[in-house]
């Protein structure tokens, strides 16, 4: 298991378009990807799950990766968050 924490910087927060792209990325990975904001946890493989996190600018989310391609998946997800959120 690997994880990192990211502070949402996108002025719109974790909204529809980047959330949909995150779902697509998560579904392409061999590892399971989950996001946690406070007490809420969401499977990154489902758009509704991510939207229910209601992550807004300034919120910290922890991204957890578990599975066979953890190192590569972690790098791809860190890049995605840095560039989009």
PDB file of N, CA and C in Angstrom:
ATOM      1  N   UNK A   1       0.843  -1.170   0.000  1.00  0.00           N
ATOM      2  CA  UNK A   1       0.000   0.000   0.000  1.00  0.00           C
ATOM      3  C   UNK A   1       0.896   1.243   0.000  1.00  0.00           C
ATOM      4  N   UNK A   2       0.540   2.175  -0.853  1.00  0.00           N
ATOM      5  CA  UNK A   2       1.239   3.469  -0.942  1.00  0.00           C
ATOM      6  C   UNK A   2       0.177   4.549  -0.909  1.00  0.00           C
ATOM      7  N   UNK A   3       0.551   5.737  -0.419  1.00  0.00           N
ATOM      8  CA  UNK A   3      -0.411   6.824  -0.390  1.00  0.00           C
ATOM      9  C   UNK A   3       0.296   8.171  -0.385  1.00  0.00           C
ATOM     10  N   UNK A   4      -0.456   9.201  -0.749  1.00  0.00           N
ATOM     11  CA  UNK A   4       0.025  10.574  -0.669  1.00  0.00           C
ATOM     12  C   UNK A   4      -1.156  11.465  -0.338  1.00  0.00           C
ATOM     13  N   UNK A   5      -0.846  12.651   0.169  1.00  0.00           N
ATOM     14  CA  UNK A   5      -1.885  13.620   0.507  1.00  0.00           C
ATOM     15  C   UNK A   5      -1.746  14.810  -0.430  1.00  0.00           C
ATOM     16  N   UNK A   6      -2.892  15.288  -0.898  1.00  0.00           N
ATOM     17  CA  UNK A   6      -2.915  16.414  -1.841  1.00  0.00           C
ATOM     18  C   UNK A   6      -3.930  17.439  -1.354  1.00  0.00           C
ATOM     19  N   UNK A   7      -3.563  18.714  -1.431  1.00  0.00           N
ATOM     20  CA  UNK A   7      -4.491  19.791  -1.114  1.00  0.00           C
ATOM     21  C   UNK A   7      -5.130  20.261  -2.415  1.00  0.00           C
ATOM     22  N   UNK A   8      -6.454  20.231  -2.484  1.00  0.00           N
ATOM     23  CA  UNK A   8      -7.188  20.627  -3.691  1.00  0.00           C
ATOM     24  C   UNK A   8      -6.939  22.115  -3.966  1.00  0.00           C
ATOM     25  N   UNK A   9      -6.416  22.417  -5.142  1.00  0.00           N
ATOM     26  CA  UNK A   9      -6.117  23.798  -5.521  1.00  0.00           C
ATOM     27  C   UNK A   9      -7.029  24.296  -6.632  1.00  0.00           C
ATOM     28  N   UNK A  10      -7.669  23.385  -7.356  1.00  0.00           N
ATOM     29  CA  UNK A  10      -8.563  23.777  -8.448  1.00  0.00           C
ATOM     30  C   UNK A  10      -9.685  24.640  -7.872  1.00  0.00           C
ATOM     31  N   UNK A  11      -9.919  25.834  -8.439  1.00  0.00           N
ATOM     32  CA  UNK A  11     -10.949  26.727  -7.905  1.00  0.00           C
ATOM     33  C   UNK A  11     -12.348  26.108  -7.852  1.00  0.00           C
ATOM     34  N   UNK A  12     -12.598  25.111  -8.679  1.00  0.00           N
ATOM     35  CA  UNK A  12     -13.905  24.455  -8.684  1.00  0.00           C
ATOM     36  C   UNK A  12     -13.912  23.187  -7.823  1.00  0.00           C
ATOM     37  N   UNK A  13     -12.795  22.859  -7.205  1.00  0.00           N
ATOM     38  CA  UNK A  13     -12.713  21.650  -6.399  1.00  0.00           C
ATOM     39  C   UNK A  13     -12.687  20.398  -7.268  1.00  0.00           C
ATOM     40  N   UNK A  14     -13.056  19.299  -6.669  1.00  0.00           N
ATOM     41  CA  UNK A  14     -13.123  18.022  -7.393  1.00  0.00           C
ATOM     42  C   UNK A  14     -14.480  17.967  -8.086  1.00  0.00           C
ATOM     43  N   UNK A  15     -14.561  18.608  -9.249  1.00  0.00           N
ATOM     44  CA  UNK A  15     -15.822  18.709  -9.973  1.00  0.00           C
ATOM     45  C   UNK A  15     -15.887  17.688 -11.101  1.00  0.00           C
ATOM     46  N   UNK A  16     -16.950  17.703 -11.847  1.00  0.00           N
ATOM     47  CA  UNK A  16     -17.282  16.678 -12.832  1.00  0.00           C
ATOM     48  C   UNK A  16     -16.202  16.283 -13.816  1.00  0.00           C
ATOM     49  N   UNK A  17     -15.629  17.243 -14.510  1.00  0.00           N
ATOM     50  CA  UNK A  17     -14.674  16.900 -15.570  1.00  0.00           C
ATOM     51  C   UNK A  17     -13.415  16.225 -15.031  1.00  0.00           C
ATOM     52  N   UNK A  18     -12.701  16.822 -14.050  1.00  0.00           N
ATOM     53  CA  UNK A  18     -11.524  16.104 -13.553  1.00  0.00           C
ATOM     54  C   UNK A  18     -11.883  14.821 -12.802  1.00  0.00           C
ATOM     55  N   UNK A  19     -13.033  14.790 -12.165  1.00  0.00           N
ATOM     56  CA  UNK A  19     -13.453  13.567 -11.480  1.00  0.00           C
ATOM     57  C   UNK A  19     -13.656  12.445 -12.491  1.00  0.00           C
ATOM     58  N   UNK A  20     -14.269  12.758 -13.623  1.00  0.00           N
ATOM     59  CA  UNK A  20     -14.486  11.740 -14.662  1.00  0.00           C
ATOM     60  C   UNK A  20     -13.150  11.250 -15.216  1.00  0.00           C
ATOM     61  N   UNK A  21     -12.195  12.153 -15.384  1.00  0.00           N
ATOM     62  CA  UNK A  21     -10.873  11.749 -15.878  1.00  0.00           C
ATOM     63  C   UNK A  21     -10.132  10.914 -14.837  1.00  0.00           C
ATOM     64  N   UNK A  22     -10.335  11.229 -13.564  1.00  0.00           N
ATOM     65  CA  UNK A  22      -9.718  10.439 -12.502  1.00  0.00           C
ATOM     66  C   UNK A  22     -10.300   9.026 -12.481  1.00  0.00           C
ATOM     67  N   UNK A  23     -11.602   8.896 -12.653  1.00  0.00           N
ATOM     68  CA  UNK A  23     -12.242   7.578 -12.723  1.00  0.00           C
ATOM     69  C   UNK A  23     -11.646   6.773 -13.870  1.00  0.00           C
ATOM     70  N   UNK A  24     -11.493   7.410 -15.014  1.00  0.00           N
ATOM     71  CA  UNK A  24     -10.930   6.725 -16.177  1.00  0.00           C
ATOM     72  C   UNK A  24      -9.505   6.242 -15.884  1.00  0.00           C
ATOM     73  N   UNK A  25      -8.696   7.116 -15.286  1.00  0.00           N
ATOM     74  CA  UNK A  25      -7.330   6.737 -14.939  1.00  0.00           C
ATOM     75  C   UNK A  25      -7.338   5.581 -13.943  1.00  0.00           C
ATOM     76  N   UNK A  26      -8.146   5.663 -12.901  1.00  0.00           N
ATOM     77  CA  UNK A  26      -8.200   4.619 -11.879  1.00  0.00           C
ATOM     78  C   UNK A  26      -8.610   3.279 -12.479  1.00  0.00           C
ATOM     79  N   UNK A  27      -9.520   3.297 -13.437  1.00  0.00           N
ATOM     80  CA  UNK A  27      -9.978   2.056 -14.056  1.00  0.00           C
ATOM     81  C   UNK A  27      -8.920   1.434 -14.958  1.00  0.00           C
ATOM     82  N   UNK A  28      -7.961   2.224 -15.407  1.00  0.00           N
ATOM     83  CA  UNK A  28      -6.880   1.711 -16.255  1.00  0.00           C
ATOM     84  C   UNK A  28      -5.764   1.056 -15.441  1.00  0.00           C
ATOM     85  N   UNK A  29      -5.733   1.317 -14.146  1.00  0.00           N
ATOM     86  CA  UNK A  29      -4.670   0.798 -13.290  1.00  0.00           C
ATOM     87  C   UNK A  29      -5.023  -0.580 -12.755  1.00  0.00           C
ATOM     88  N   UNK A  30      -3.989  -1.374 -12.455  1.00  0.00           N
ATOM     89  CA  UNK A  30      -4.205  -2.685 -11.854  1.00  0.00           C
ATOM     90  C   UNK A  30      -4.467  -2.578 -10.362  1.00  0.00           C
ATOM     91  N   UNK A  31      -4.025  -1.480  -9.759  1.00  0.00           N
ATOM     92  CA  UNK A  31      -4.195  -1.270  -8.323  1.00  0.00           C
ATOM     93  C   UNK A  31      -5.549  -0.655  -8.008  1.00  0.00           C
ATOM     94  N   UNK A  32      -6.034  -0.917  -6.803  1.00  0.00           N
ATOM     95  CA  UNK A  32      -7.251  -0.267  -6.307  1.00  0.00           C
ATOM     96  C   UNK A  32      -6.864   1.120  -5.805  1.00  0.00           C
ATOM     97  N   UNK A  33      -7.686   2.116  -6.130  1.00  0.00           N
ATOM     98  CA  UNK A  33      -7.408   3.496  -5.749  1.00  0.00           C
ATOM     99  C   UNK A  33      -8.576   4.007  -4.909  1.00  0.00           C
ATOM    100  N   UNK A  34      -8.263   4.519  -3.727  1.00  0.00           N
ATOM    101  CA  UNK A  34      -9.286   5.116  -2.882  1.00  0.00           C
ATOM    102  C   UNK A  34      -8.841   6.508  -2.463  1.00  0.00           C
ATOM    103  N   UNK A  35      -9.825   7.382  -2.260  1.00  0.00           N
ATOM    104  CA  UNK A  35      -9.581   8.731  -1.765  1.00  0.00           C
ATOM    105  C   UNK A  35     -10.265   8.876  -0.419  1.00  0.00           C
ATOM    106  N   UNK A  36      -9.610   9.596   0.476  1.00  0.00           N
ATOM    107  CA  UNK A  36     -10.193   9.847   1.786  1.00  0.00           C
ATOM    108  C   UNK A  36     -10.137  11.339   2.067  1.00  0.00           C
ATOM    109  N   UNK A  37     -11.261  11.886   2.498  1.00  0.00           N
ATOM    110  CA  UNK A  37     -11.347  13.281   2.945  1.00  0.00           C
ATOM    111  C   UNK A  37     -12.031  13.245   4.294  1.00  0.00           C
ATOM    112  N   UNK A  38     -11.291  13.550   5.336  1.00  0.00           N
ATOM    113  CA  UNK A  38     -11.857  13.443   6.682  1.00  0.00           C
ATOM    114  C   UNK A  38     -12.262  12.014   6.968  1.00  0.00           C
ATOM    115  N   UNK A  39     -13.512  11.836   7.342  1.00  0.00           N
ATOM    116  CA  UNK A  39     -14.028  10.508   7.664  1.00  0.00           C
ATOM    117  C   UNK A  39     -14.587   9.769   6.453  1.00  0.00           C
ATOM    118  N   UNK A  40     -14.715  10.464   5.324  1.00  0.00           N
ATOM    119  CA  UNK A  40     -15.299   9.851   4.119  1.00  0.00           C
ATOM    120  C   UNK A  40     -14.223   9.202   3.260  1.00  0.00           C
ATOM    121  N   UNK A  41     -14.564   8.046   2.719  1.00  0.00           N
ATOM    122  CA  UNK A  41     -13.676   7.326   1.811  1.00  0.00           C
ATOM    123  C   UNK A  41     -14.452   6.996   0.552  1.00  0.00           C
ATOM    124  N   UNK A  42     -13.769   7.103  -0.599  1.00  0.00           N
ATOM    125  CA  UNK A  42     -14.432   6.824  -1.874  1.00  0.00           C
ATOM    126  C   UNK A  42     -13.532   5.996  -2.771  1.00  0.00           C
ATOM    127  N   UNK A  43     -14.134   5.017  -3.433  1.00  0.00           N
ATOM    128  CA  UNK A  43     -13.462   4.241  -4.465  1.00  0.00           C
ATOM    129  C   UNK A  43     -13.334   5.145  -5.693  1.00  0.00           C
ATOM    130  N   UNK A  44     -12.106   5.324  -6.180  1.00  0.00           N
ATOM    131  CA  UNK A  44     -11.885   6.212  -7.322  1.00  0.00           C
ATOM    132  C   UNK A  44     -12.402   5.630  -8.632  1.00  0.00           C
ATOM    133  N   UNK A  45     -12.908   4.422  -8.607  1.00  0.00           N
ATOM    134  CA  UNK A  45     -13.446   3.806  -9.811  1.00  0.00           C
ATOM    135  C   UNK A  45     -14.882   4.200 -10.117  1.00  0.00           C
ATOM    136  N   UNK A  46     -15.487   5.045  -9.274  1.00  0.00           N
ATOM    137  CA  UNK A  46     -16.882   5.439  -9.483  1.00  0.00           C
ATOM    138  C   UNK A  46     -17.068   6.943  -9.360  1.00  0.00           C
ATOM    139  N   UNK A  47     -17.649   7.546 -10.374  1.00  0.00           N
ATOM    140  CA  UNK A  47     -17.831   8.996 -10.407  1.00  0.00           C
ATOM    141  C   UNK A  47     -18.684   9.502  -9.244  1.00  0.00           C
ATOM    142  N   UNK A  48     -19.782   8.847  -8.970  1.00  0.00           N
ATOM    143  CA  UNK A  48     -20.653   9.295  -7.891  1.00  0.00           C
ATOM    144  C   UNK A  48     -19.925   9.249  -6.546  1.00  0.00           C
ATOM    145  N   UNK A  49     -19.129   8.209  -6.350  1.00  0.00           N
ATOM    146  CA  UNK A  49     -18.345   8.103  -5.115  1.00  0.00           C
ATOM    147  C   UNK A  49     -17.467   9.329  -4.925  1.00  0.00           C
ATOM    148  N   UNK A  50     -16.776   9.730  -5.987  1.00  0.00           N
ATOM    149  CA  UNK A  50     -15.881  10.882  -5.897  1.00  0.00           C
ATOM    150  C   UNK A  50     -16.650  12.176  -5.665  1.00  0.00           C
ATOM    151  N   UNK A  51     -17.783  12.324  -6.344  1.00  0.00           N
ATOM    152  CA  UNK A  51     -18.555  13.553  -6.205  1.00  0.00           C
ATOM    153  C   UNK A  51     -19.102  13.694  -4.782  1.00  0.00           C
ATOM    154  N   UNK A  52     -19.417  12.563  -4.141  1.00  0.00           N
ATOM    155  CA  UNK A  52     -19.951  12.604  -2.779  1.00  0.00           C
ATOM    156  C   UNK A  52     -18.908  13.028  -1.743  1.00  0.00           C
ATOM    157  N   UNK A  53     -17.637  12.991  -2.111  1.00  0.00           N
ATOM    158  CA  UNK A  53     -16.609  13.505  -1.206  1.00  0.00           C
ATOM    159  C   UNK A  53     -16.754  15.015  -1.020  1.00  0.00           C
ATOM    160  N   UNK A  54     -17.285  15.689  -2.039  1.00  0.00           N
ATOM    161  CA  UNK A  54     -17.500  17.136  -1.997  1.00  0.00           C
ATOM    162  C   UNK A  54     -16.214  17.879  -1.637  1.00  0.00           C
ATOM    163  N   UNK A  55     -15.116  17.521  -2.299  1.00  0.00           N
ATOM    164  CA  UNK A  55     -13.828  18.155  -2.033  1.00  0.00           C
ATOM    165  C   UNK A  55     -13.771  19.523  -2.711  1.00  0.00           C
ATOM    166  N   UNK A  56     -13.535  20.537  -1.916  1.00  0.00           N
ATOM    167  CA  UNK A  56     -13.479  21.919  -2.398  1.00  0.00           C
ATOM    168  C   UNK A  56     -12.054  22.451  -2.231  1.00  0.00           C
ATOM    169  N   UNK A  57     -11.752  23.603  -2.843  1.00  0.00           N
ATOM    170  CA  UNK A  57     -10.396  24.152  -2.714  1.00  0.00           C
ATOM    171  C   UNK A  57      -9.980  24.278  -1.243  1.00  0.00           C
ATOM    172  N   UNK A  58      -8.768  23.845  -0.969  1.00  0.00           N
ATOM    173  CA  UNK A  58      -8.239  23.877   0.386  1.00  0.00           C
ATOM    174  C   UNK A  58      -8.399  22.576   1.149  1.00  0.00           C
ATOM    175  N   UNK A  59      -9.299  21.704   0.696  1.00  0.00           N
ATOM    176  CA  UNK A  59      -9.470  20.398   1.336  1.00  0.00           C
ATOM    177  C   UNK A  59      -8.267  19.510   1.052  1.00  0.00           C
ATOM    178  N   UNK A  60      -7.895  18.710   2.031  1.00  0.00           N
ATOM    179  CA  UNK A  60      -6.853  17.719   1.833  1.00  0.00           C
ATOM    180  C   UNK A  60      -7.495  16.361   1.599  1.00  0.00           C
ATOM    181  N   UNK A  61      -7.013  15.686   0.567  1.00  0.00           N
ATOM    182  CA  UNK A  61      -7.466  14.324   0.300  1.00  0.00           C
ATOM    183  C   UNK A  61      -6.247  13.406   0.331  1.00  0.00           C
ATOM    184  N   UNK A  62      -6.446  12.224   0.856  1.00  0.00           N
ATOM    185  CA  UNK A  62      -5.393  11.217   0.866  1.00  0.00           C
ATOM    186  C   UNK A  62      -5.743  10.189  -0.188  1.00  0.00           C
ATOM    187  N   UNK A  63      -4.785   9.937  -1.061  1.00  0.00           N
ATOM    188  CA  UNK A  63      -4.969   8.979  -2.158  1.00  0.00           C
ATOM    189  C   UNK A  63      -4.190   7.726  -1.791  1.00  0.00           C
ATOM    190  N   UNK A  64      -4.887   6.594  -1.738  1.00  0.00           N
ATOM    191  CA  UNK A  64      -4.272   5.317  -1.382  1.00  0.00           C
ATOM    192  C   UNK A  64      -4.314   4.382  -2.582  1.00  0.00           C
ATOM    193  N   UNK A  65      -3.189   3.721  -2.829  1.00  0.00           N
ATOM    194  CA  UNK A  65      -3.053   2.789  -3.947  1.00  0.00           C
ATOM    195  C   UNK A  65      -2.629   1.439  -3.384  1.00  0.00           C
ATOM    196  N   UNK A  66      -3.376   0.396  -3.753  1.00  0.00           N
ATOM    197  CA  UNK A  66      -3.048  -0.956  -3.292  1.00  0.00           C
ATOM    198  C   UNK A  66      -3.159  -1.916  -4.469  1.00  0.00           C
ATOM    199  N   UNK A  67      -2.071  -2.625  -4.750  1.00  0.00           N
ATOM    200  CA  UNK A  67      -2.128  -3.611  -5.816  1.00  0.00           C
ATOM    201  C   UNK A  67      -0.791  -3.830  -6.485  1.00  0.00           C
ATOM    202  N   UNK A  68      -0.854  -4.475  -7.617  1.00  0.00           N
ATOM    203  CA  UNK A  68       0.342  -4.914  -8.316  1.00  0.00           C
ATOM    204  C   UNK A  68       1.188  -3.839  -8.957  1.00  0.00           C
ATOM    205  N   UNK A  69       0.609  -2.701  -9.282  1.00  0.00           N
ATOM    206  CA  UNK A  69       1.377  -1.648  -9.964  1.00  0.00           C
ATOM    207  C   UNK A  69       1.456  -0.372  -9.126  1.00  0.00           C
ATOM    208  N   UNK A  70       1.625  -0.538  -7.815  1.00  0.00           N
ATOM    209  CA  UNK A  70       1.558   0.590  -6.890  1.00  0.00           C
ATOM    210  C   UNK A  70       2.499   1.733  -7.248  1.00  0.00           C
ATOM    211  N   UNK A  71       3.751   1.432  -7.552  1.00  0.00           N
ATOM    212  CA  UNK A  71       4.714   2.499  -7.816  1.00  0.00           C
ATOM    213  C   UNK A  71       4.332   3.320  -9.043  1.00  0.00           C
ATOM    214  N   UNK A  72       4.035   2.633 -10.132  1.00  0.00           N
ATOM    215  CA  UNK A  72       3.633   3.335 -11.350  1.00  0.00           C
ATOM    216  C   UNK A  72       2.312   4.058 -11.180  1.00  0.00           C
ATOM    217  N   UNK A  73       1.375   3.416 -10.494  1.00  0.00           N
ATOM    218  CA  UNK A  73       0.066   4.027 -10.266  1.00  0.00           C
ATOM    219  C   UNK A  73       0.200   5.270  -9.406  1.00  0.00           C
ATOM    220  N   UNK A  74       1.013   5.192  -8.367  1.00  0.00           N
ATOM    221  CA  UNK A  74       1.211   6.334  -7.483  1.00  0.00           C
ATOM    222  C   UNK A  74       1.787   7.514  -8.258  1.00  0.00           C
ATOM    223  N   UNK A  75       2.780   7.252  -9.090  1.00  0.00           N
ATOM    224  CA  UNK A  75       3.396   8.319  -9.881  1.00  0.00           C
ATOM    225  C   UNK A  75       2.377   8.951 -10.831  1.00  0.00           C
ATOM    226  N   UNK A  76       1.575   8.131 -11.501  1.00  0.00           N
ATOM    227  CA  UNK A  76       0.568   8.647 -12.431  1.00  0.00           C
ATOM    228  C   UNK A  76      -0.484   9.473 -11.705  1.00  0.00           C
ATOM    229  N   UNK A  77      -0.901   9.020 -10.539  1.00  0.00           N
ATOM    230  CA  UNK A  77      -1.916   9.738  -9.782  1.00  0.00           C
ATOM    231  C   UNK A  77      -1.378  11.049  -9.206  1.00  0.00           C
ATOM    232  N   UNK A  78      -0.146  11.038  -8.721  1.00  0.00           N
ATOM    233  CA  UNK A  78       0.450  12.287  -8.223  1.00  0.00           C
ATOM    234  C   UNK A  78       0.535  13.320  -9.333  1.00  0.00           C
ATOM    235  N   UNK A  79       0.931  12.895 -10.510  1.00  0.00           N
ATOM    236  CA  UNK A  79       1.003  13.795 -11.664  1.00  0.00           C
ATOM    237  C   UNK A  79      -0.389  14.319 -12.013  1.00  0.00           C
ATOM    238  N   UNK A  80      -1.394  13.446 -12.025  1.00  0.00           N
ATOM    239  CA  UNK A  80      -2.757  13.853 -12.335  1.00  0.00           C
ATOM    240  C   UNK A  80      -3.251  14.905 -11.341  1.00  0.00           C
ATOM    241  N   UNK A  81      -3.069  14.650 -10.062  1.00  0.00           N
ATOM    242  CA  UNK A  81      -3.530  15.593  -9.042  1.00  0.00           C
ATOM    243  C   UNK A  81      -2.804  16.928  -9.152  1.00  0.00           C
ATOM    244  N   UNK A  82      -1.514  16.880  -9.373  1.00  0.00           N
ATOM    245  CA  UNK A  82      -0.722  18.105  -9.511  1.00  0.00           C
ATOM    246  C   UNK A  82      -1.198  18.942 -10.696  1.00  0.00           C
ATOM    247  N   UNK A  83      -1.504  18.305 -11.800  1.00  0.00           N
ATOM    248  CA  UNK A  83      -1.878  19.012 -13.026  1.00  0.00           C
ATOM    249  C   UNK A  83      -3.339  19.406 -13.099  1.00  0.00           C
ATOM    250  N   UNK A  84      -4.224  18.703 -12.379  1.00  0.00           N
ATOM    251  CA  UNK A  84      -5.670  18.911 -12.545  1.00  0.00           C
ATOM    252  C   UNK A  84      -6.411  19.354 -11.298  1.00  0.00           C
ATOM    253  N   UNK A  85      -5.862  19.101 -10.150  1.00  0.00           N
ATOM    254  CA  UNK A  85      -6.598  19.400  -8.930  1.00  0.00           C
ATOM    255  C   UNK A  85      -5.730  20.163  -7.940  1.00  0.00           C
TER     256      UNK A  85
END
